[in-house]
PDB file of N, CA and C in Angstrom:
ATOM      1  N   UNK A   1     -10.446 -52.987 -23.243  1.00  0.00           N
ATOM      2  CA  UNK A   1      -8.925 -53.180 -22.550  1.00  0.00           C
ATOM      3  C   UNK A   1      -8.059 -52.117 -23.075  1.00  0.00           C
ATOM      4  N   UNK A   2      -7.611 -51.588 -24.183  1.00  0.00           N
ATOM      5  CA  UNK A   2      -6.220 -51.136 -24.167  1.00  0.00           C
ATOM      6  C   UNK A   2      -6.936 -49.654 -23.972  1.00  0.00           C
ATOM      7  N   UNK A   3      -7.588 -48.857 -23.782  1.00  0.00           N
ATOM      8  CA  UNK A   3      -8.540 -47.701 -23.530  1.00  0.00           C
ATOM      9  C   UNK A   3      -7.965 -47.990 -21.907  1.00  0.00           C
ATOM     10  N   UNK A   4      -8.422 -48.908 -21.179  1.00  0.00           N
ATOM     11  CA  UNK A   4      -8.544 -48.795 -19.837  1.00  0.00           C
ATOM     12  C   UNK A   4      -6.844 -48.967 -19.428  1.00  0.00           C
ATOM     13  N   UNK A   5      -5.856 -49.458 -20.235  1.00  0.00           N
ATOM     14  CA  UNK A   5      -4.569 -49.482 -20.028  1.00  0.00           C
ATOM     15  C   UNK A   5      -4.054 -48.378 -20.209  1.00  0.00           C
ATOM     16  N   UNK A   6      -4.218 -47.271 -20.600  1.00  0.00           N
ATOM     17  CA  UNK A   6      -3.878 -46.268 -21.432  1.00  0.00           C
ATOM     18  C   UNK A   6      -4.711 -45.561 -19.779  1.00  0.00           C
ATOM     19  N   UNK A   7      -5.535 -45.780 -19.973  1.00  0.00           N
ATOM     20  CA  UNK A   7      -6.368 -44.865 -18.598  1.00  0.00           C
ATOM     21  C   UNK A   7      -5.584 -44.958 -17.191  1.00  0.00           C
ATOM     22  N   UNK A   8      -5.315 -46.078 -16.891  1.00  0.00           N
ATOM     23  CA  UNK A   8      -4.655 -46.371 -15.983  1.00  0.00           C
ATOM     24  C   UNK A   8      -3.228 -46.060 -15.842  1.00  0.00           C
ATOM     25  N   UNK A   9      -1.838 -45.662 -16.828  1.00  0.00           N
ATOM     26  CA  UNK A   9      -0.859 -45.174 -17.149  1.00  0.00           C
ATOM     27  C   UNK A   9      -0.534 -44.350 -17.136  1.00  0.00           C
ATOM     28  N   UNK A  10      -1.836 -43.089 -17.235  1.00  0.00           N
ATOM     29  CA  UNK A  10      -1.704 -41.983 -17.264  1.00  0.00           C
ATOM     30  C   UNK A  10      -1.772 -41.189 -15.733  1.00  0.00           C
ATOM     31  N   UNK A  11      -3.298 -42.061 -15.343  1.00  0.00           N
ATOM     32  CA  UNK A  11      -3.002 -41.749 -13.880  1.00  0.00           C
ATOM     33  C   UNK A  11      -1.984 -41.751 -13.062  1.00  0.00           C
ATOM     34  N   UNK A  12      -1.057 -43.390 -13.167  1.00  0.00           N
ATOM     35  CA  UNK A  12       0.170 -43.466 -12.600  1.00  0.00           C
ATOM     36  C   UNK A  12       0.855 -42.464 -13.037  1.00  0.00           C
ATOM     37  N   UNK A  13       1.113 -42.290 -14.152  1.00  0.00           N
ATOM     38  CA  UNK A  13       2.132 -40.898 -14.635  1.00  0.00           C
ATOM     39  C   UNK A  13       1.404 -39.401 -13.450  1.00  0.00           C
ATOM     40  N   UNK A  14       0.168 -39.282 -13.859  1.00  0.00           N
ATOM     41  CA  UNK A  14       0.022 -37.868 -13.140  1.00  0.00           C
ATOM     42  C   UNK A  14       0.137 -37.908 -11.022  1.00  0.00           C
ATOM     43  N   UNK A  15       0.283 -39.228 -10.627  1.00  0.00           N
ATOM     44  CA  UNK A  15       0.851 -39.700  -9.469  1.00  0.00           C
ATOM     45  C   UNK A  15       1.730 -39.547  -9.246  1.00  0.00           C
ATOM     46  N   UNK A  16       2.911 -39.978  -9.827  1.00  0.00           N
ATOM     47  CA  UNK A  16       3.998 -39.740  -9.901  1.00  0.00           C
ATOM     48  C   UNK A  16       4.696 -38.554 -10.382  1.00  0.00           C
ATOM     49  N   UNK A  17       4.281 -37.439 -11.203  1.00  0.00           N
ATOM     50  CA  UNK A  17       4.542 -35.924 -11.001  1.00  0.00           C
ATOM     51  C   UNK A  17       4.369 -35.456 -10.104  1.00  0.00           C
ATOM     52  N   UNK A  18       3.199 -35.717  -9.214  1.00  0.00           N
ATOM     53  CA  UNK A  18       2.409 -34.903  -8.142  1.00  0.00           C
ATOM     54  C   UNK A  18       3.546 -35.115  -6.831  1.00  0.00           C
ATOM     55  N   UNK A  19       4.009 -36.808  -6.712  1.00  0.00           N
ATOM     56  CA  UNK A  19       5.011 -37.104  -5.594  1.00  0.00           C
ATOM     57  C   UNK A  19       6.532 -36.598  -6.276  1.00  0.00           C
ATOM     58  N   UNK A  20       6.480 -36.679  -7.088  1.00  0.00           N
ATOM     59  CA  UNK A  20       7.999 -35.783  -7.634  1.00  0.00           C
ATOM     60  C   UNK A  20       7.957 -34.374  -7.257  1.00  0.00           C
ATOM     61  N   UNK A  21       6.905 -33.344  -7.781  1.00  0.00           N
ATOM     62  CA  UNK A  21       6.917 -31.907  -7.307  1.00  0.00           C
ATOM     63  C   UNK A  21       6.591 -31.736  -5.161  1.00  0.00           C
ATOM     64  N   UNK A  22       6.005 -32.895  -4.886  1.00  0.00           N
ATOM     65  CA  UNK A  22       5.651 -32.281  -3.596  1.00  0.00           C
ATOM     66  C   UNK A  22       7.444 -32.925  -2.841  1.00  0.00           C
ATOM     67  N   UNK A  23       8.436 -33.245  -3.654  1.00  0.00           N
ATOM     68  CA  UNK A  23      10.021 -33.354  -3.033  1.00  0.00           C
ATOM     69  C   UNK A  23      10.574 -32.275  -3.535  1.00  0.00           C
ATOM     70  N   UNK A  24      10.614 -31.789  -4.145  1.00  0.00           N
ATOM     71  CA  UNK A  24      11.103 -30.991  -4.945  1.00  0.00           C
ATOM     72  C   UNK A  24      11.302 -29.404  -3.755  1.00  0.00           C
ATOM     73  N   UNK A  25      12.089 -29.324  -3.771  1.00  0.00           N
ATOM     74  CA  UNK A  25      12.748 -27.926  -3.311  1.00  0.00           C
ATOM     75  C   UNK A  25      12.616 -26.753  -3.697  1.00  0.00           C
ATOM     76  N   UNK A  26      11.847 -25.683  -3.480  1.00  0.00           N
ATOM     77  CA  UNK A  26      11.685 -24.448  -4.141  1.00  0.00           C
ATOM     78  C   UNK A  26      13.178 -23.784  -4.109  1.00  0.00           C
ATOM     79  N   UNK A  27      13.145 -23.085  -5.221  1.00  0.00           N
ATOM     80  CA  UNK A  27      14.199 -21.929  -5.694  1.00  0.00           C
ATOM     81  C   UNK A  27      14.808 -21.121  -5.470  1.00  0.00           C
ATOM     82  N   UNK A  28      15.437 -20.973  -4.730  1.00  0.00           N
ATOM     83  CA  UNK A  28      15.569 -18.674  -3.765  1.00  0.00           C
ATOM     84  C   UNK A  28      15.512 -18.316  -5.389  1.00  0.00           C
ATOM     85  N   UNK A  29      14.894 -17.069  -5.643  1.00  0.00           N
ATOM     86  CA  UNK A  29      15.292 -16.733  -7.128  1.00  0.00           C
ATOM     87  C   UNK A  29      15.701 -15.004  -6.597  1.00  0.00           C
ATOM     88  N   UNK A  30      15.192 -14.856  -5.595  1.00  0.00           N
ATOM     89  CA  UNK A  30      15.491 -13.449  -5.316  1.00  0.00           C
ATOM     90  C   UNK A  30      15.489 -12.860  -3.728  1.00  0.00           C
ATOM     91  N   UNK A  31      15.984 -11.580  -3.148  1.00  0.00           N
ATOM     92  CA  UNK A  31      15.331 -11.054  -1.896  1.00  0.00           C
ATOM     93  C   UNK A  31      15.127  -9.671  -2.029  1.00  0.00           C
ATOM     94  N   UNK A  32      14.059  -9.418  -1.738  1.00  0.00           N
ATOM     95  CA  UNK A  32      13.386  -8.505  -1.983  1.00  0.00           C
ATOM     96  C   UNK A  32      12.599  -7.470  -0.538  1.00  0.00           C
ATOM     97  N   UNK A  33      12.785  -6.040  -0.313  1.00  0.00           N
ATOM     98  CA  UNK A  33      11.850  -5.087   0.792  1.00  0.00           C
ATOM     99  C   UNK A  33      11.079  -4.327   0.229  1.00  0.00           C
ATOM    100  N   UNK A  34      10.035  -4.216   0.763  1.00  0.00           N
ATOM    101  CA  UNK A  34       9.082  -3.284   0.787  1.00  0.00           C
ATOM    102  C   UNK A  34       8.862  -1.941   0.843  1.00  0.00           C
ATOM    103  N   UNK A  35       9.169  -0.768  -0.081  1.00  0.00           N
ATOM    104  CA  UNK A  35       9.668   0.437   0.094  1.00  0.00           C
ATOM    105  C   UNK A  35       8.268   1.354   0.107  1.00  0.00           C
ATOM    106  N   UNK A  36       8.387   2.463   0.681  1.00  0.00           N
ATOM    107  CA  UNK A  36       6.941   3.242   0.068  1.00  0.00           C
ATOM    108  C   UNK A  36       7.722   4.304  -0.360  1.00  0.00           C
ATOM    109  N   UNK A  37       6.986   4.392  -1.296  1.00  0.00           N
ATOM    110  CA  UNK A  37       7.463   5.718  -2.583  1.00  0.00           C
ATOM    111  C   UNK A  37       6.140   6.879  -1.740  1.00  0.00           C
ATOM    112  N   UNK A  38       7.025   8.050  -1.991  1.00  0.00           N
ATOM    113  CA  UNK A  38       6.214   9.390  -1.132  1.00  0.00           C
ATOM    114  C   UNK A  38       5.414   9.440  -2.529  1.00  0.00           C
ATOM    115  N   UNK A  39       4.375  10.406  -2.035  1.00  0.00           N
ATOM    116  CA  UNK A  39       3.399  10.803  -3.589  1.00  0.00           C
ATOM    117  C   UNK A  39       4.085  12.580  -3.945  1.00  0.00           C
ATOM    118  N   UNK A  40       3.828  12.389  -4.866  1.00  0.00           N
ATOM    119  CA  UNK A  40       4.160  13.084  -5.805  1.00  0.00           C
ATOM    120  C   UNK A  40       3.368  14.326  -5.983  1.00  0.00           C
ATOM    121  N   UNK A  41       4.094  15.909  -5.911  1.00  0.00           N
ATOM    122  CA  UNK A  41       2.968  16.861  -6.160  1.00  0.00           C
ATOM    123  C   UNK A  41       3.645  18.385  -7.176  1.00  0.00           C
ATOM    124  N   UNK A  42       2.517  18.755  -8.016  1.00  0.00           N
ATOM    125  CA  UNK A  42       2.823  19.346  -8.733  1.00  0.00           C
ATOM    126  C   UNK A  42       2.791  20.891  -7.922  1.00  0.00           C
ATOM    127  N   UNK A  43       3.919  21.624  -7.522  1.00  0.00           N
ATOM    128  CA  UNK A  43       3.838  22.850  -6.930  1.00  0.00           C
ATOM    129  C   UNK A  43       4.130  23.821  -7.386  1.00  0.00           C
ATOM    130  N   UNK A  44       3.478  24.798  -7.406  1.00  0.00           N
ATOM    131  CA  UNK A  44       3.452  26.125  -7.977  1.00  0.00           C
ATOM    132  C   UNK A  44       3.682  27.429  -7.067  1.00  0.00           C
ATOM    133  N   UNK A  45       4.328  28.291  -7.366  1.00  0.00           N
ATOM    134  CA  UNK A  45       4.369  29.260  -6.228  1.00  0.00           C
ATOM    135  C   UNK A  45       3.478  30.690  -6.724  1.00  0.00           C
ATOM    136  N   UNK A  46       2.896  31.190  -5.450  1.00  0.00           N
ATOM    137  CA  UNK A  46       2.585  32.866  -5.902  1.00  0.00           C
ATOM    138  C   UNK A  46       3.343  33.788  -4.823  1.00  0.00           C
ATOM    139  N   UNK A  47       4.157  34.856  -5.204  1.00  0.00           N
ATOM    140  CA  UNK A  47       4.353  35.665  -4.662  1.00  0.00           C
ATOM    141  C   UNK A  47       3.547  36.695  -3.585  1.00  0.00           C
ATOM    142  N   UNK A  48       3.941  36.745  -2.305  1.00  0.00           N
ATOM    143  CA  UNK A  48       2.567  37.427  -1.556  1.00  0.00           C
ATOM    144  C   UNK A  48       3.374  38.816  -1.264  1.00  0.00           C
ATOM    145  N   UNK A  49       4.501  38.752  -0.963  1.00  0.00           N
ATOM    146  CA  UNK A  49       4.993  39.731  -0.893  1.00  0.00           C
ATOM    147  C   UNK A  49       6.909  39.948  -1.197  1.00  0.00           C
ATOM    148  N   UNK A  50       7.347  41.000  -1.612  1.00  0.00           N
ATOM    149  CA  UNK A  50       8.555  40.972  -2.677  1.00  0.00           C
ATOM    150  C   UNK A  50       9.627  41.413  -1.277  1.00  0.00           C
ATOM    151  N   UNK A  51      11.076  40.617  -1.657  1.00  0.00           N
ATOM    152  CA  UNK A  51      11.755  40.681  -0.841  1.00  0.00           C
ATOM    153  C   UNK A  51      12.082  42.745  -0.232  1.00  0.00           C
ATOM    154  N   UNK A  52      12.772  42.955   0.931  1.00  0.00           N
ATOM    155  CA  UNK A  52      12.808  44.312   0.884  1.00  0.00           C
ATOM    156  C   UNK A  52      13.703  44.008   1.912  1.00  0.00           C
ATOM    157  N   UNK A  53      14.138  45.395   2.099  1.00  0.00           N
ATOM    158  CA  UNK A  53      16.463  45.702   3.045  1.00  0.00           C
ATOM    159  C   UNK A  53      15.410  47.104   3.630  1.00  0.00           C
ATOM    160  N   UNK A  54      15.841  46.764   4.905  1.00  0.00           N
ATOM    161  CA  UNK A  54      15.704  48.159   6.082  1.00  0.00           C
ATOM    162  C   UNK A  54      16.651  48.072   6.870  1.00  0.00           C
ATOM    163  N   UNK A  55      17.001  49.546   7.294  1.00  0.00           N
ATOM    164  CA  UNK A  55      17.884  50.029   7.805  1.00  0.00           C
ATOM    165  C   UNK A  55      17.122  50.125   9.493  1.00  0.00           C
ATOM    166  N   UNK A  56      17.980  49.331  10.446  1.00  0.00           N
ATOM    167  CA  UNK A  56      17.160  49.277  11.724  1.00  0.00           C
ATOM    168  C   UNK A  56      18.387  49.336  12.654  1.00  0.00           C
ATOM    169  N   UNK A  57      17.959  50.695  13.659  1.00  0.00           N
ATOM    170  CA  UNK A  57      19.257  50.773  14.356  1.00  0.00           C
ATOM    171  C   UNK A  57      18.903  50.025  16.051  1.00  0.00           C
ATOM    172  N   UNK A  58      20.104  49.376  15.817  1.00  0.00           N
ATOM    173  CA  UNK A  58      20.547  48.550  17.123  1.00  0.00           C
ATOM    174  C   UNK A  58      21.965  49.117  17.825  1.00  0.00           C
ATOM    175  N   UNK A  59      21.880  48.539  19.319  1.00  0.00           N
ATOM    176  CA  UNK A  59      23.290  49.436  19.631  1.00  0.00           C
ATOM    177  C   UNK A  59      23.996  50.464  19.429  1.00  0.00           C
ATOM    178  N   UNK A  60      23.292  51.296  19.555  1.00  0.00           N
ATOM    179  CA  UNK A  60      24.166  52.810  18.690  1.00  0.00           C
ATOM    180  C   UNK A  60      24.421  52.922  17.080  1.00  0.00           C
ATOM    181  N   UNK A  61      24.042  51.700  16.341  1.00  0.00           N
ATOM    182  CA  UNK A  61      24.490  52.239  14.981  1.00  0.00           C
ATOM    183  C   UNK A  61      22.788  51.444  13.803  1.00  0.00           C
ATOM    184  N   UNK A  62      23.439  51.819  12.913  1.00  0.00           N
ATOM    185  CA  UNK A  62      22.406  51.488  11.648  1.00  0.00           C
ATOM    186  C   UNK A  62      22.919  50.194  11.454  1.00  0.00           C
ATOM    187  N   UNK A  63      22.004  48.841  10.924  1.00  0.00           N
ATOM    188  CA  UNK A  63      22.113  47.820  10.374  1.00  0.00           C
ATOM    189  C   UNK A  63      21.199  47.949   9.046  1.00  0.00           C
ATOM    190  N   UNK A  64      21.937  47.412   7.953  1.00  0.00           N
ATOM    191  CA  UNK A  64      20.833  47.010   7.160  1.00  0.00           C
ATOM    192  C   UNK A  64      20.374  45.391   7.142  1.00  0.00           C
ATOM    193  N   UNK A  65      19.673  45.610   7.133  1.00  0.00           N
ATOM    194  CA  UNK A  65      18.944  43.891   6.881  1.00  0.00           C
ATOM    195  C   UNK A  65      17.967  43.866   5.870  1.00  0.00           C
ATOM    196  N   UNK A  66      17.807  42.634   5.295  1.00  0.00           N
ATOM    197  CA  UNK A  66      17.570  42.021   4.052  1.00  0.00           C
ATOM    198  C   UNK A  66      16.561  41.234   4.674  1.00  0.00           C
ATOM    199  N   UNK A  67      14.706  41.335   3.895  1.00  0.00           N
ATOM    200  CA  UNK A  67      13.918  40.121   4.319  1.00  0.00           C
ATOM    201  C   UNK A  67      13.720  39.374   2.533  1.00  0.00           C
ATOM    202  N   UNK A  68      13.426  38.257   3.433  1.00  0.00           N
ATOM    203  CA  UNK A  68      13.192  37.466   1.870  1.00  0.00           C
ATOM    204  C   UNK A  68      11.915  37.355   1.426  1.00  0.00           C
ATOM    205  N   UNK A  69      11.621  37.633  -0.184  1.00  0.00           N
ATOM    206  CA  UNK A  69      10.051  37.114  -0.327  1.00  0.00           C
ATOM    207  C   UNK A  69       9.175  36.304   0.321  1.00  0.00           C
ATOM    208  N   UNK A  70       7.900  36.553   0.641  1.00  0.00           N
ATOM    209  CA  UNK A  70       7.260  35.389   1.260  1.00  0.00           C
ATOM    210  C   UNK A  70       6.636  34.949  -0.144  1.00  0.00           C
ATOM    211  N   UNK A  71       6.234  33.821   0.284  1.00  0.00           N
ATOM    212  CA  UNK A  71       5.324  32.838  -1.350  1.00  0.00           C
ATOM    213  C   UNK A  71       4.190  31.906  -0.464  1.00  0.00           C
ATOM    214  N   UNK A  72       3.563  32.158  -1.523  1.00  0.00           N
ATOM    215  CA  UNK A  72       2.369  30.582  -1.028  1.00  0.00           C
ATOM    216  C   UNK A  72       2.534  29.718  -2.253  1.00  0.00           C
ATOM    217  N   UNK A  73       2.390  28.604  -1.805  1.00  0.00           N
ATOM    218  CA  UNK A  73       2.563  27.060  -2.425  1.00  0.00           C
ATOM    219  C   UNK A  73       1.261  27.138  -2.811  1.00  0.00           C
ATOM    220  N   UNK A  74       0.997  26.133  -3.676  1.00  0.00           N
ATOM    221  CA  UNK A  74      -0.419  25.471  -4.243  1.00  0.00           C
ATOM    222  C   UNK A  74       0.295  23.891  -4.661  1.00  0.00           C
ATOM    223  N   UNK A  75      -0.299  23.100  -3.910  1.00  0.00           N
ATOM    224  CA  UNK A  75      -0.254  21.724  -4.331  1.00  0.00           C
ATOM    225  C   UNK A  75      -0.922  21.251  -5.286  1.00  0.00           C
ATOM    226  N   UNK A  76      -0.730  20.439  -6.042  1.00  0.00           N
ATOM    227  CA  UNK A  76      -1.496  19.494  -6.976  1.00  0.00           C
ATOM    228  C   UNK A  76      -1.006  17.957  -6.765  1.00  0.00           C
ATOM    229  N   UNK A  77      -1.619  17.141  -6.160  1.00  0.00           N
ATOM    230  CA  UNK A  77      -1.440  15.571  -6.644  1.00  0.00           C
ATOM    231  C   UNK A  77      -1.667  15.345  -7.611  1.00  0.00           C
ATOM    232  N   UNK A  78      -0.278  14.314  -8.357  1.00  0.00           N
ATOM    233  CA  UNK A  78      -0.044  13.750  -9.955  1.00  0.00           C
ATOM    234  C   UNK A  78      -0.285  12.511  -9.391  1.00  0.00           C
ATOM    235  N   UNK A  79       0.763  11.944  -8.145  1.00  0.00           N
ATOM    236  CA  UNK A  79       0.265  10.672  -8.075  1.00  0.00           C
ATOM    237  C   UNK A  79       0.340  10.292  -6.309  1.00  0.00           C
ATOM    238  N   UNK A  80      -0.188   9.510  -5.864  1.00  0.00           N
ATOM    239  CA  UNK A  80      -0.494   9.192  -4.769  1.00  0.00           C
ATOM    240  C   UNK A  80       0.934   8.369  -4.103  1.00  0.00           C
ATOM    241  N   UNK A  81       1.381   8.179  -2.535  1.00  0.00           N
ATOM    242  CA  UNK A  81       2.000   7.188  -2.833  1.00  0.00           C
ATOM    243  C   UNK A  81       1.699   5.653  -2.776  1.00  0.00           C
ATOM    244  N   UNK A  82       3.133   4.874  -2.526  1.00  0.00           N
ATOM    245  CA  UNK A  82       2.246   3.420  -3.422  1.00  0.00           C
ATOM    246  C   UNK A  82       3.899   2.836  -2.706  1.00  0.00           C
ATOM    247  N   UNK A  83       3.623   1.097  -2.671  1.00  0.00           N
ATOM    248  CA  UNK A  83       4.818   0.270  -2.483  1.00  0.00           C
ATOM    249  C   UNK A  83       5.377  -0.185  -3.393  1.00  0.00           C
ATOM    250  N   UNK A  84       6.677  -0.533  -3.578  1.00  0.00           N
ATOM    251  CA  UNK A  84       7.558  -0.784  -4.543  1.00  0.00           C
ATOM    252  C   UNK A  84       8.790  -1.723  -4.092  1.00  0.00           C
ATOM    253  N   UNK A  85       8.765  -3.096  -4.465  1.00  0.00           N
ATOM    254  CA  UNK A  85       9.101  -4.445  -4.065  1.00  0.00           C
ATOM    255  C   UNK A  85      11.354  -4.175  -4.618  1.00  0.00           C
ATOM    256  N   UNK A  86      12.055  -3.737  -3.711  1.00  0.00           N
ATOM    257  CA  UNK A  86      13.342  -3.090  -4.043  1.00  0.00           C
ATOM    258  C   UNK A  86      14.472  -4.367  -3.934  1.00  0.00           C
ATOM    259  N   UNK A  87      14.781  -4.910  -4.586  1.00  0.00           N
ATOM    260  CA  UNK A  87      16.222  -6.027  -4.513  1.00  0.00           C
ATOM    261  C   UNK A  87      17.018  -5.626  -3.759  1.00  0.00           C
ATOM    262  N   UNK A  88      17.600  -6.693  -2.781  1.00  0.00           N
ATOM    263  CA  UNK A  88      18.465  -6.719  -1.557  1.00  0.00           C
ATOM    264  C   UNK A  88      19.109  -7.836  -1.722  1.00  0.00           C
ATOM    265  N   UNK A  89      20.639  -7.741  -1.357  1.00  0.00           N
ATOM    266  CA  UNK A  89      21.019  -8.963  -1.202  1.00  0.00           C
ATOM    267  C   UNK A  89      20.509 -10.176  -0.623  1.00  0.00           C
ATOM    268  N   UNK A  90      20.930 -11.345  -1.284  1.00  0.00           N
ATOM    269  CA  UNK A  90      20.534 -12.398  -0.295  1.00  0.00           C
ATOM    270  C   UNK A  90      21.673 -13.018   0.605  1.00  0.00           C
ATOM    271  N   UNK A  91      21.481 -12.771   1.745  1.00  0.00           N
ATOM    272  CA  UNK A  91      23.039 -13.324   3.219  1.00  0.00           C
ATOM    273  C   UNK A  91      22.785 -13.983   3.971  1.00  0.00           C
TER     274      UNK A  91
END
């Protein structure tokens, strides 16, 4: 008899807690937006051609032109792109 009373009391407490949880309003903890972070690469450069200066005859005069060095880039992927949740103001 006592065991049945305890069991009934426990069931009533569980039903009351469930009903109370259904009536509770959720609480806003923060606002976020999903932001795509770009991939990260390790870049090395190899010089193909040195910088040079040349005289060029134009419009009856000589002009000194400078051509920049030419490089080739080699990329190695370190980390691919991924998403992060960035906190924003909740207006």
